[in-house]
All heavy atoms as atom14 arrays in JSON, in Angstrom:
{
  "sequence": "FGLVSLGISSAVVDAYPVRIVMTDFIWISVAVVSITLLAS",
  "atom14_mask": [
    [1, 1, 1, 1, 1, 1, 1, 1, 1, 1, 1, 0, 0, 0],
    [1, 1, 1, 1, 0, 0, 0, 0, 0, 0, 0, 0, 0, 0],
    [1, 1, 1, 1, 1, 1, 1, 1, 0, 0, 0, 0, 0, 0],
    [1, 1, 1, 1, 1, 1, 1, 0, 0, 0, 0, 0, 0, 0],
    [1, 1, 1, 1, 1, 1, 0, 0, 0, 0, 0, 0, 0, 0],
    [1, 1, 1, 1, 1, 1, 1, 1, 0, 0, 0, 0, 0, 0],
    [1, 1, 1, 1, 0, 0, 0, 0, 0, 0, 0, 0, 0, 0],
    [1, 1, 1, 1, 1, 1, 1, 1, 0, 0, 0, 0, 0, 0],
    [1, 1, 1, 1, 1, 1, 0, 0, 0, 0, 0, 0, 0, 0],
    [1, 1, 1, 1, 1, 1, 0, 0, 0, 0, 0, 0, 0, 0],
    [1, 1, 1, 1, 1, 0, 0, 0, 0, 0, 0, 0, 0, 0],
    [1, 1, 1, 1, 1, 1, 1, 0, 0, 0, 0, 0, 0, 0],
    [1, 1, 1, 1, 1, 1, 1, 0, 0, 0, 0, 0, 0, 0],
    [1, 1, 1, 1, 1, 1, 1, 1, 0, 0, 0, 0, 0, 0],
    [1, 1, 1, 1, 1, 0, 0, 0, 0, 0, 0, 0, 0, 0],
    [1, 1, 1, 1, 1, 1, 1, 1, 1, 1, 1, 1, 0, 0],
    [1, 1, 1, 1, 1, 1, 1, 0, 0, 0, 0, 0, 0, 0],
    [1, 1, 1, 1, 1, 1, 1, 0, 0, 0, 0, 0, 0, 0],
    [1, 1, 1, 1, 1, 1, 1, 1, 1, 1, 1, 0, 0, 0],
    [1, 1, 1, 1, 1, 1, 1, 1, 0, 0, 0, 0, 0, 0],
    [1, 1, 1, 1, 1, 1, 1, 0, 0, 0, 0, 0, 0, 0],
    [1, 1, 1, 1, 1, 1, 1, 1, 0, 0, 0, 0, 0, 0],
    [1, 1, 1, 1, 1, 1, 1, 0, 0, 0, 0, 0, 0, 0],
    [1, 1, 1, 1, 1, 1, 1, 1, 0, 0, 0, 0, 0, 0],
    [1, 1, 1, 1, 1, 1, 1, 1, 1, 1, 1, 0, 0, 0],
    [1, 1, 1, 1, 1, 1, 1, 1, 0, 0, 0, 0, 0, 0],
    [1, 1, 1, 1, 1, 1, 1, 1, 1, 1, 1, 1, 1, 1],
    [1, 1, 1, 1, 1, 1, 1, 1, 0, 0, 0, 0, 0, 0],
    [1, 1, 1, 1, 1, 1, 0, 0, 0, 0, 0, 0, 0, 0],
    [1, 1, 1, 1, 1, 1, 1, 0, 0, 0, 0, 0, 0, 0],
    [1, 1, 1, 1, 1, 0, 0, 0, 0, 0, 0, 0, 0, 0],
    [1, 1, 1, 1, 1, 1, 1, 0, 0, 0, 0, 0, 0, 0],
    [1, 1, 1, 1, 1, 1, 1, 0, 0, 0, 0, 0, 0, 0],
    [1, 1, 1, 1, 1, 1, 0, 0, 0, 0, 0, 0, 0, 0],
    [1, 1, 1, 1, 1, 1, 1, 1, 0, 0, 0, 0, 0, 0],
    [1, 1, 1, 1, 1, 1, 1, 0, 0, 0, 0, 0, 0, 0],
    [1, 1, 1, 1, 1, 1, 1, 1, 0, 0, 0, 0, 0, 0],
    [1, 1, 1, 1, 1, 1, 1, 1, 0, 0, 0, 0, 0, 0],
    [1, 1, 1, 1, 1, 0, 0, 0, 0, 0, 0, 0, 0, 0],
    [1, 1, 1, 1, 1, 1, 0, 0, 0, 0, 0, 0, 0, 0]
  ],
  "atom14_positions": [
    [[3.59, -3.64, 14.34], [2.84, -4.53, 15.23], [2.27, -5.76, 14.52], [1.8, -6.68, 15.2], [1.69, -3.76, 15.88], [2.11, -2.52, 16.62], [1.86, -1.27, 16.1], [2.79, -2.62, 17.83], [2.26, -0.14, 16.79], [3.19, -1.5, 18.52], [2.93, -0.24, 17.98], [0.0, 0.0, 0.0], [0.0, 0.0, 0.0], [0.0, 0.0, 0.0]],
    [[2.32, -5.82, 13.2], [1.78, -6.99, 12.48], [0.3, -7.16, 12.73], [-0.16, -8.24, 13.16], [0.0, 0.0, 0.0], [0.0, 0.0, 0.0], [0.0, 0.0, 0.0], [0.0, 0.0, 0.0], [0.0, 0.0, 0.0], [0.0, 0.0, 0.0], [0.0, 0.0, 0.0], [0.0, 0.0, 0.0], [0.0, 0.0, 0.0], [0.0, 0.0, 0.0]],
    [[-0.5, -6.12, 12.49], [-1.91, -6.15, 12.81], [-2.69, -7.21, 12.04], [-3.56, -7.89, 12.59], [-2.53, -4.77, 12.51], [-1.91, -3.58, 13.26], [-2.58, -2.28, 12.82], [-2.02, -3.78, 14.77], [0.0, 0.0, 0.0], [0.0, 0.0, 0.0], [0.0, 0.0, 0.0], [0.0, 0.0, 0.0], [0.0, 0.0, 0.0], [0.0, 0.0, 0.0]],
    [[-2.36, -7.39, 10.76], [-3.06, -8.39, 9.91], [-2.15, -9.56, 9.72], [-1.09, -9.46, 9.09], [-3.46, -7.76, 8.57], [-4.21, -8.79, 7.73], [-4.31, -6.52, 8.77], [0.0, 0.0, 0.0], [0.0, 0.0, 0.0], [0.0, 0.0, 0.0], [0.0, 0.0, 0.0], [0.0, 0.0, 0.0], [0.0, 0.0, 0.0], [0.0, 0.0, 0.0]],
    [[-2.53, -10.72, 10.23], [-1.72, -11.91, 10.14], [-1.99, -12.68, 8.86], [-3.09, -12.57, 8.28], [-2.0, -12.83, 11.37], [-1.34, -14.05, 11.23], [0.0, 0.0, 0.0], [0.0, 0.0, 0.0], [0.0, 0.0, 0.0], [0.0, 0.0, 0.0], [0.0, 0.0, 0.0], [0.0, 0.0, 0.0], [0.0, 0.0, 0.0], [0.0, 0.0, 0.0]],
    [[-0.99, -13.44, 8.43], [-1.18, -14.28, 7.25], [-2.1, -15.46, 7.55], [-2.71, -16.04, 6.64], [0.17, -14.82, 6.78], [1.08, -13.82, 6.04], [2.47, -14.42, 5.84], [0.48, -13.44, 4.7], [0.0, 0.0, 0.0], [0.0, 0.0, 0.0], [0.0, 0.0, 0.0], [0.0, 0.0, 0.0], [0.0, 0.0, 0.0], [0.0, 0.0, 0.0]],
    [[-2.2, -15.86, 8.82], [-3.05, -16.98, 9.17], [-2.46, -18.34, 8.83], [-3.2, -19.34, 8.75], [0.0, 0.0, 0.0], [0.0, 0.0, 0.0], [0.0, 0.0, 0.0], [0.0, 0.0, 0.0], [0.0, 0.0, 0.0], [0.0, 0.0, 0.0], [0.0, 0.0, 0.0], [0.0, 0.0, 0.0], [0.0, 0.0, 0.0], [0.0, 0.0, 0.0]],
    [[-1.15, -18.38, 8.6], [-0.47, -19.64, 8.26], [0.58, -19.93, 9.34], [1.52, -19.16, 9.5], [0.19, -19.58, 6.87], [-0.85, -19.22, 5.81], [0.86, -20.91, 6.52], [-0.27, -18.97, 4.44], [0.0, 0.0, 0.0], [0.0, 0.0, 0.0], [0.0, 0.0, 0.0], [0.0, 0.0, 0.0], [0.0, 0.0, 0.0], [0.0, 0.0, 0.0]],
    [[0.39, -20.99, 10.09], [1.3, -21.24, 11.23], [2.72, -21.51, 10.8], [3.68, -21.23, 11.51], [0.74, -22.41, 12.04], [0.63, -23.58, 11.23], [0.0, 0.0, 0.0], [0.0, 0.0, 0.0], [0.0, 0.0, 0.0], [0.0, 0.0, 0.0], [0.0, 0.0, 0.0], [0.0, 0.0, 0.0], [0.0, 0.0, 0.0], [0.0, 0.0, 0.0]],
    [[2.92, -22.15, 9.61], [4.25, -22.52, 9.17], [4.87, -21.5, 8.24], [5.88, -21.77, 7.59], [4.19, -23.89, 8.45], [3.33, -23.82, 7.32], [0.0, 0.0, 0.0], [0.0, 0.0, 0.0], [0.0, 0.0, 0.0], [0.0, 0.0, 0.0], [0.0, 0.0, 0.0], [0.0, 0.0, 0.0], [0.0, 0.0, 0.0], [0.0, 0.0, 0.0]],
    [[4.26, -20.31, 8.11], [4.76, -19.3, 7.22], [6.09, -18.72, 7.74], [6.36, -18.72, 8.95], [3.77, -18.18, 7.05], [0.0, 0.0, 0.0], [0.0, 0.0, 0.0], [0.0, 0.0, 0.0], [0.0, 0.0, 0.0], [0.0, 0.0, 0.0], [0.0, 0.0, 0.0], [0.0, 0.0, 0.0], [0.0, 0.0, 0.0], [0.0, 0.0, 0.0]],
    [[6.91, -18.23, 6.82], [8.21, -17.65, 7.2], [8.0, -16.37, 7.99], [8.76, -16.06, 8.9], [9.04, -17.38, 5.93], [10.37, -16.7, 6.28], [9.31, -18.68, 5.2], [0.0, 0.0, 0.0], [0.0, 0.0, 0.0], [0.0, 0.0, 0.0], [0.0, 0.0, 0.0], [0.0, 0.0, 0.0], [0.0, 0.0, 0.0], [0.0, 0.0, 0.0]],
    [[6.98, -15.61, 7.64], [6.62, -14.4, 8.37], [5.21, -14.53, 8.93], [4.38, -15.21, 8.34], [6.72, -13.14, 7.47], [8.16, -12.87, 7.09], [5.86, -13.3, 6.21], [0.0, 0.0, 0.0], [0.0, 0.0, 0.0], [0.0, 0.0, 0.0], [0.0, 0.0, 0.0], [0.0, 0.0, 0.0], [0.0, 0.0, 0.0], [0.0, 0.0, 0.0]],
    [[4.95, -13.91, 10.08], [3.64, -14.06, 10.72], [2.6, -13.15, 10.09], [1.43, -13.55, 9.97], [3.78, -13.76, 12.21], [4.68, -14.74, 12.92], [4.73, -15.92, 12.5], [5.38, -14.35, 13.9], [0.0, 0.0, 0.0], [0.0, 0.0, 0.0], [0.0, 0.0, 0.0], [0.0, 0.0, 0.0], [0.0, 0.0, 0.0], [0.0, 0.0, 0.0]],
    [[3.0, -11.94, 9.74], [2.03, -10.95, 9.23], [2.39, -10.55, 7.81], [3.48, -10.82, 7.33], [2.01, -9.73, 10.14], [0.0, 0.0, 0.0], [0.0, 0.0, 0.0], [0.0, 0.0, 0.0], [0.0, 0.0, 0.0], [0.0, 0.0, 0.0], [0.0, 0.0, 0.0], [0.0, 0.0, 0.0], [0.0, 0.0, 0.0], [0.0, 0.0, 0.0]],
    [[1.44, -9.9, 7.16], [1.69, -9.41, 5.79], [2.87, -8.44, 5.79], [2.87, -7.48, 6.54], [0.45, -8.71, 5.24], [-0.57, -9.65, 4.69], [-1.66, -10.05, 5.44], [-0.47, -10.14, 3.39], [-2.63, -10.91, 4.93], [-1.42, -11.02, 2.86], [-2.5, -11.38, 3.65], [-3.43, -12.24, 3.15], [0.0, 0.0, 0.0], [0.0, 0.0, 0.0]],
    [[3.86, -8.71, 4.95], [5.0, -7.78, 4.88], [4.63, -6.5, 4.13], [3.85, -6.56, 3.17], [6.06, -8.58, 4.11], [5.26, -9.54, 3.25], [4.02, -9.84, 4.04], [0.0, 0.0, 0.0], [0.0, 0.0, 0.0], [0.0, 0.0, 0.0], [0.0, 0.0, 0.0], [0.0, 0.0, 0.0], [0.0, 0.0, 0.0], [0.0, 0.0, 0.0]],
    [[5.12, -5.38, 4.57], [4.85, -4.11, 3.91], [6.14, -3.31, 3.79], [7.08, -3.47, 4.58], [3.8, -3.28, 4.68], [2.41, -3.93, 4.62], [4.22, -3.09, 6.14], [0.0, 0.0, 0.0], [0.0, 0.0, 0.0], [0.0, 0.0, 0.0], [0.0, 0.0, 0.0], [0.0, 0.0, 0.0], [0.0, 0.0, 0.0], [0.0, 0.0, 0.0]],
    [[6.17, -2.44, 2.82], [7.31, -1.5, 2.67], [6.81, -0.25, 1.98], [6.12, -0.33, 0.96], [8.44, -2.13, 1.87], [9.64, -1.17, 1.65], [10.83, -1.91, 1.09], [10.54, -2.48, -0.24], [10.78, -1.82, -1.39], [11.27, -0.61, -1.38], [10.51, -2.42, -2.53], [0.0, 0.0, 0.0], [0.0, 0.0, 0.0], [0.0, 0.0, 0.0]],
    [[7.18, 0.9, 2.52], [6.76, 2.17, 1.96], [7.8, 2.63, 0.94], [8.99, 2.67, 1.22], [6.59, 3.22, 3.06], [5.45, 2.8, 4.01], [6.29, 4.6, 2.46], [5.32, 3.68, 5.23], [0.0, 0.0, 0.0], [0.0, 0.0, 0.0], [0.0, 0.0, 0.0], [0.0, 0.0, 0.0], [0.0, 0.0, 0.0], [0.0, 0.0, 0.0]],
    [[7.32, 2.97, -0.26], [8.18, 3.54, -1.31], [7.66, 4.91, -1.65], [6.49, 5.07, -2.01], [8.17, 2.62, -2.56], [9.04, 3.23, -3.67], [8.71, 1.25, -2.21], [0.0, 0.0, 0.0], [0.0, 0.0, 0.0], [0.0, 0.0, 0.0], [0.0, 0.0, 0.0], [0.0, 0.0, 0.0], [0.0, 0.0, 0.0], [0.0, 0.0, 0.0]],
    [[8.51, 5.92, -1.58], [8.08, 7.29, -1.79], [7.57, 7.52, -3.24], [6.69, 8.36, -3.44], [9.21, 8.27, -1.47], [9.61, 8.27, -0.01], [8.21, 8.4, 1.14], [7.55, 9.99, 0.68], [0.0, 0.0, 0.0], [0.0, 0.0, 0.0], [0.0, 0.0, 0.0], [0.0, 0.0, 0.0], [0.0, 0.0, 0.0], [0.0, 0.0, 0.0]],
    [[8.13, 6.79, -4.18], [7.65, 6.97, -5.57], [6.18, 6.55, -5.7], [5.46, 7.09, -6.55], [8.5, 6.14, -6.55], [8.57, 4.78, -6.1], [9.91, 6.7, -6.64], [0.0, 0.0, 0.0], [0.0, 0.0, 0.0], [0.0, 0.0, 0.0], [0.0, 0.0, 0.0], [0.0, 0.0, 0.0], [0.0, 0.0, 0.0], [0.0, 0.0, 0.0]],
    [[5.73, 5.6, -4.88], [4.33, 5.21, -4.87], [3.45, 6.4, -4.47], [2.38, 6.64, -5.02], [4.06, 4.03, -3.95], [4.67, 2.74, -4.47], [5.0, 2.69, -5.68], [4.81, 1.81, -3.71], [0.0, 0.0, 0.0], [0.0, 0.0, 0.0], [0.0, 0.0, 0.0], [0.0, 0.0, 0.0], [0.0, 0.0, 0.0], [0.0, 0.0, 0.0]],
    [[3.92, 7.14, -3.46], [3.17, 8.33, -2.99], [3.07, 9.35, -4.14], [2.03, 9.98, -4.3], [3.87, 8.94, -1.79], [3.58, 8.21, -0.51], [4.01, 6.92, -0.31], [2.87, 8.84, 0.52], [3.76, 6.24, 0.88], [2.61, 8.19, 1.72], [3.06, 6.88, 1.9], [0.0, 0.0, 0.0], [0.0, 0.0, 0.0], [0.0, 0.0, 0.0]],
    [[4.15, 9.48, -4.89], [4.15, 10.46, -6.01], [3.13, 10.02, -7.07], [2.31, 10.84, -7.54], [5.54, 10.57, -6.61], [6.5, 11.18, -5.58], [5.51, 11.42, -7.86], [7.94, 11.2, -6.01], [0.0, 0.0, 0.0], [0.0, 0.0, 0.0], [0.0, 0.0, 0.0], [0.0, 0.0, 0.0], [0.0, 0.0, 0.0], [0.0, 0.0, 0.0]],
    [[3.16, 8.73, -7.43], [2.22, 8.24, -8.46], [0.77, 8.33, -8.0], [-0.13, 8.67, -8.78], [2.56, 6.81, -8.85], [3.74, 6.69, -9.75], [4.95, 6.16, -9.48], [3.82, 7.14, -11.13], [5.8, 6.23, -10.56], [5.09, 6.83, -11.61], [2.91, 7.75, -11.98], [5.52, 7.12, -12.89], [3.32, 8.04, -13.28], [4.61, 7.74, -13.72]],
    [[0.54, 8.05, -6.72], [-0.81, 8.16, -6.19], [-1.28, 9.61, -6.24], [-2.42, 9.9, -6.62], [-0.86, 7.61, -4.75], [-0.64, 6.08, -4.74], [-2.2, 7.95, -4.06], [-0.44, 5.49, -3.37], [0.0, 0.0, 0.0], [0.0, 0.0, 0.0], [0.0, 0.0, 0.0], [0.0, 0.0, 0.0], [0.0, 0.0, 0.0], [0.0, 0.0, 0.0]],
    [[-0.4, 10.53, -5.85], [-0.76, 11.95, -5.89], [-1.06, 12.4, -7.32], [-2.02, 13.15, -7.56], [0.38, 12.8, -5.32], [0.67, 12.42, -3.98], [0.0, 0.0, 0.0], [0.0, 0.0, 0.0], [0.0, 0.0, 0.0], [0.0, 0.0, 0.0], [0.0, 0.0, 0.0], [0.0, 0.0, 0.0], [0.0, 0.0, 0.0], [0.0, 0.0, 0.0]],
    [[-0.23, 11.96, -8.27], [-0.45, 12.3, -9.69], [-1.81, 11.77, -10.15], [-2.57, 12.46, -10.85], [0.68, 11.77, -10.56], [0.33, 11.86, -12.04], [1.97, 12.5, -10.27], [0.0, 0.0, 0.0], [0.0, 0.0, 0.0], [0.0, 0.0, 0.0], [0.0, 0.0, 0.0], [0.0, 0.0, 0.0], [0.0, 0.0, 0.0], [0.0, 0.0, 0.0]],
    [[-2.13, 10.55, -9.76], [-3.4, 9.94, -10.16], [-4.57, 10.71, -9.59], [-5.57, 10.99, -10.3], [-3.45, 8.48, -9.7], [0.0, 0.0, 0.0], [0.0, 0.0, 0.0], [0.0, 0.0, 0.0], [0.0, 0.0, 0.0], [0.0, 0.0, 0.0], [0.0, 0.0, 0.0], [0.0, 0.0, 0.0], [0.0, 0.0, 0.0], [0.0, 0.0, 0.0]],
    [[-4.49, 11.09, -8.31], [-5.58, 11.82, -7.66], [-5.74, 13.21, -8.34], [-6.9, 13.62, -8.63], [-5.29, 12.0, -6.15], [-6.31, 12.95, -5.54], [-5.36, 10.63, -5.45], [0.0, 0.0, 0.0], [0.0, 0.0, 0.0], [0.0, 0.0, 0.0], [0.0, 0.0, 0.0], [0.0, 0.0, 0.0], [0.0, 0.0, 0.0], [0.0, 0.0, 0.0]],
    [[-4.67, 13.89, -8.6], [-4.74, 15.22, -9.23], [-5.35, 15.11, -10.63], [-6.21, 15.91, -11.03], [-3.34, 15.89, -9.31], [-3.37, 17.13, -10.17], [-2.86, 16.23, -7.89], [0.0, 0.0, 0.0], [0.0, 0.0, 0.0], [0.0, 0.0, 0.0], [0.0, 0.0, 0.0], [0.0, 0.0, 0.0], [0.0, 0.0, 0.0], [0.0, 0.0, 0.0]],
    [[-4.91, 14.12, -11.4], [-5.42, 13.93, -12.77], [-6.91, 13.66, -12.77], [-7.67, 14.23, -13.55], [-4.66, 12.78, -13.44], [-3.29, 13.05, -13.51], [0.0, 0.0, 0.0], [0.0, 0.0, 0.0], [0.0, 0.0, 0.0], [0.0, 0.0, 0.0], [0.0, 0.0, 0.0], [0.0, 0.0, 0.0], [0.0, 0.0, 0.0], [0.0, 0.0, 0.0]],
    [[-7.33, 12.75, -11.86], [-8.74, 12.41, -11.78], [-9.58, 13.63, -11.36], [-10.66, 13.9, -11.9], [-8.97, 11.27, -10.79], [-8.39, 9.96, -11.36], [-10.44, 11.07, -10.45], [-8.33, 8.83, -10.36], [0.0, 0.0, 0.0], [0.0, 0.0, 0.0], [0.0, 0.0, 0.0], [0.0, 0.0, 0.0], [0.0, 0.0, 0.0], [0.0, 0.0, 0.0]],
    [[-9.04, 14.43, -10.45], [-9.75, 15.62, -9.98], [-9.93, 16.65, -11.09], [-11.01, 17.22, -11.26], [-8.97, 16.27, -8.82], [-8.84, 15.3, -7.78], [-9.7, 17.48, -8.3], [0.0, 0.0, 0.0], [0.0, 0.0, 0.0], [0.0, 0.0, 0.0], [0.0, 0.0, 0.0], [0.0, 0.0, 0.0], [0.0, 0.0, 0.0], [0.0, 0.0, 0.0]],
    [[-8.86, 16.86, -11.87], [-8.96, 17.81, -12.99], [-10.01, 17.39, -14.0], [-10.78, 18.18, -14.52], [-7.6, 17.98, -13.64], [-6.53, 18.69, -12.79], [-5.19, 18.72, -13.51], [-6.98, 20.13, -12.48], [0.0, 0.0, 0.0], [0.0, 0.0, 0.0], [0.0, 0.0, 0.0], [0.0, 0.0, 0.0], [0.0, 0.0, 0.0], [0.0, 0.0, 0.0]],
    [[-10.03, 16.06, -14.28], [-11.03, 15.56, -15.22], [-12.44, 15.7, -14.69], [-13.37, 16.05, -15.42], [-10.73, 14.08, -15.53], [-9.49, 13.8, -16.36], [-9.23, 12.28, -16.47], [-9.59, 14.38, -17.76], [0.0, 0.0, 0.0], [0.0, 0.0, 0.0], [0.0, 0.0, 0.0], [0.0, 0.0, 0.0], [0.0, 0.0, 0.0], [0.0, 0.0, 0.0]],
    [[-12.6, 15.45, -13.39], [-13.95, 15.54, -12.78], [-14.4, 16.98, -12.65], [-15.61, 17.26, -12.66], [-13.95, 14.86, -11.42], [0.0, 0.0, 0.0], [0.0, 0.0, 0.0], [0.0, 0.0, 0.0], [0.0, 0.0, 0.0], [0.0, 0.0, 0.0], [0.0, 0.0, 0.0], [0.0, 0.0, 0.0], [0.0, 0.0, 0.0], [0.0, 0.0, 0.0]],
    [[-13.46, 17.9, -12.5], [-13.83, 19.31, -12.29], [-13.98, 20.09, -13.58], [-14.54, 21.18, -13.56], [-12.75, 19.97, -11.39], [-12.57, 19.27, -10.2], [0.0, 0.0, 0.0], [0.0, 0.0, 0.0], [0.0, 0.0, 0.0], [0.0, 0.0, 0.0], [0.0, 0.0, 0.0], [0.0, 0.0, 0.0], [0.0, 0.0, 0.0], [0.0, 0.0, 0.0]]
  ]
}
């Protein structure tokens, strides 16, 4: 839906482009688990 717009009328795209990469989810999960173990 392009919820957040770039706010530039002459921009090539109207809204912020996004793309989901599964490896990012893996790294985020690893970071959360590591931080939790250190905190616990």
